[in-house]
Structure formats: C-alpha cells, structure tokens
Protein backbone atom coordinates (compact mmCIF):
# COMPACT_ATOMS: atom_id res chain seq x y z
CA UNK A 1 109.52 33.45 36.05
CA UNK A 2 110.74 30.80 33.65
CA UNK A 3 113.49 28.55 34.97
CA UNK A 4 115.23 26.02 32.72
CA UNK A 5 114.20 22.45 33.62
CA UNK A 6 117.82 21.43 34.11
CA UNK A 7 118.47 24.26 36.64
CA UNK A 8 115.32 24.64 38.74
CA UNK A 9 117.35 25.91 41.69
CA UNK A 10 118.37 29.12 39.85
CA UNK A 11 115.34 30.92 41.28
CA UNK A 12 116.99 30.70 44.72
CA UNK A 13 120.39 32.19 43.87
CA UNK A 14 119.43 35.61 45.25
CA UNK A 15 118.44 34.24 48.64
CA UNK A 16 121.56 32.04 48.84
CA UNK A 17 123.80 34.98 47.89
CA UNK A 18 124.84 33.30 44.65
CA UNK A 19 125.71 29.92 46.16
CA UNK A 20 124.60 27.37 43.58
CA UNK A 21 125.13 24.53 46.04
CA UNK A 22 122.92 26.08 48.72
CA UNK A 23 120.34 26.98 46.07
CA UNK A 24 120.29 23.33 45.01
CA UNK A 25 119.90 22.22 48.64
CA UNK A 26 117.08 24.73 49.16
CA UNK A 27 115.32 23.50 46.02
CA UNK A 28 115.65 19.89 47.18
CA UNK A 29 114.26 20.81 50.61
CA UNK A 30 111.30 22.59 49.05
CA UNK A 31 110.69 19.54 46.85
CA UNK A 32 110.48 17.40 50.00
CA UNK A 33 108.06 19.86 51.57
CA UNK A 34 105.98 19.84 48.39
CA UNK A 35 105.69 16.07 48.84
CA UNK A 36 103.97 16.69 52.18
CA UNK A 37 106.65 15.63 54.66
CA UNK A 38 105.77 18.54 56.99
CA UNK A 39 102.02 18.68 56.53
CA UNK A 40 99.47 20.14 54.16
CA UNK A 41 100.11 23.85 54.81
CA UNK A 42 103.84 23.72 54.18
CA UNK A 43 103.19 21.43 51.22
CA UNK A 44 101.01 24.13 49.66
CA UNK A 45 103.59 26.82 50.46
CA UNK A 46 106.41 24.82 48.87
CA UNK A 47 104.36 24.15 45.76
CA UNK A 48 103.59 27.87 45.42
CA UNK A 49 107.28 28.78 45.77
CA UNK A 50 108.45 26.09 43.34
CA UNK A 51 105.82 27.16 40.81
CA UNK A 52 107.05 30.76 41.03
CA UNK A 53 103.75 32.11 42.42
CA UNK A 54 105.57 33.60 45.40
CA UNK A 55 109.05 33.65 46.89
CA UNK A 56 110.51 32.77 50.27
CA UNK A 57 110.84 36.38 51.39
CA UNK A 58 107.13 36.96 50.81
CA UNK A 59 106.33 33.68 52.54
CA UNK A 60 108.38 34.57 55.62
CA UNK A 61 106.59 37.90 55.93
CA UNK A 62 103.11 36.46 55.44
CA UNK A 63 100.68 35.76 58.25
CA UNK A 64 99.68 32.51 56.57
CA UNK A 65 103.12 30.86 56.60
CA UNK A 66 105.50 33.05 58.59
CA UNK A 67 104.31 31.71 61.93
CA UNK A 68 104.55 28.10 60.76
CA UNK A 69 108.11 28.60 59.56
CA UNK A 70 109.02 30.35 62.80
CA UNK A 71 107.48 27.50 64.78
CA UNK A 72 109.51 24.93 62.80
CA UNK A 73 112.63 27.03 63.36
CA UNK A 74 112.00 27.04 67.12
CA UNK A 75 111.62 23.24 67.08
CA UNK A 76 114.92 23.01 65.23
CA UNK A 77 116.64 25.30 67.76
CA UNK A 78 115.32 23.22 70.67
CA UNK A 79 116.63 20.07 69.03
CA UNK A 80 119.96 21.73 68.30
CA UNK A 81 120.31 22.93 71.90
CA UNK A 82 119.63 19.41 73.18
CA UNK A 83 122.68 18.03 71.35
CA UNK A 84 125.87 17.49 73.25
CA UNK A 85 128.72 19.76 72.07
CA UNK A 86 130.58 16.98 70.26
CA UNK A 87 127.50 15.97 68.28
CA UNK A 88 126.73 19.59 67.42
CA UNK A 89 130.29 20.06 66.19
CA UNK A 90 130.16 16.82 64.17
CA UNK A 91 126.90 17.81 62.51
CA UNK A 92 128.22 21.30 61.78
CA UNK A 93 131.30 19.86 60.10
CA UNK A 94 129.14 17.44 58.14
CA UNK A 95 126.91 20.31 56.95
CA UNK A 96 129.95 22.36 55.88
CA UNK A 97 131.33 19.37 53.99
CA UNK A 98 128.01 18.75 52.26
CA UNK A 99 127.72 22.42 51.32
CA UNK A 100 131.24 22.40 49.90
CA UNK A 101 130.51 19.26 47.91
CA UNK A 102 127.35 20.82 46.52
CA UNK A 103 129.34 23.83 45.35
CA UNK A 104 131.76 21.53 43.54
CA UNK A 105 128.95 19.52 41.91
CA UNK A 106 127.25 22.47 40.22
C-alpha cells in the first residue's frame, strides 16, 4: 500500500468511516505508540501498521496484540468511570470540539 507522504492518514479512512479528521488523529496516535510511549509490544504493532504490513482490524483479531489492546481499553474505561460526571462531560465536549476542528483542518 503506497500512501502519499503528505497524507499518511489516508490508510485509515476505511476504519474511520471516511472521517479525515479522525484518520489524522488515529495516525498521530499510532505515531506516538511507534515512539514507544506504551511499551515495546505496542511500539512494534504501531510500526507494523504504519508501514502497511498489517491493519488495525487484523491487529485487533490477533492473539499477539488483541489482548494488549483490550487490556488498555479496560484501563481507559476504569479511568473514565472514575471521573465525576461534570469532568466526563467536559472531556467529551472537548473531544467533540477537537474532532470537529480536525475535520475542518483537512
């Protein structure tokens, strides 16, 4: 899969249902993972996805990475549940605003 250098997020348009802003955010998140912010295993996974060797659907279904992603998701859900309702609402509004801004920027 060859992706133009100026639009590396295009490979994620199918998983983001055509949202260029969310595809850009996903690409940026994978870049951070590829820098090792979440450990060696997820670093390797992110590098494989960004290089086009695999895709996120295959990763989620794999024994090698699926459990790690599920574990990280459970940690996120625990954190989210620990927020008070006002903070959860504020963060949700902030995420929606950021997503809207990303859509405008692409």
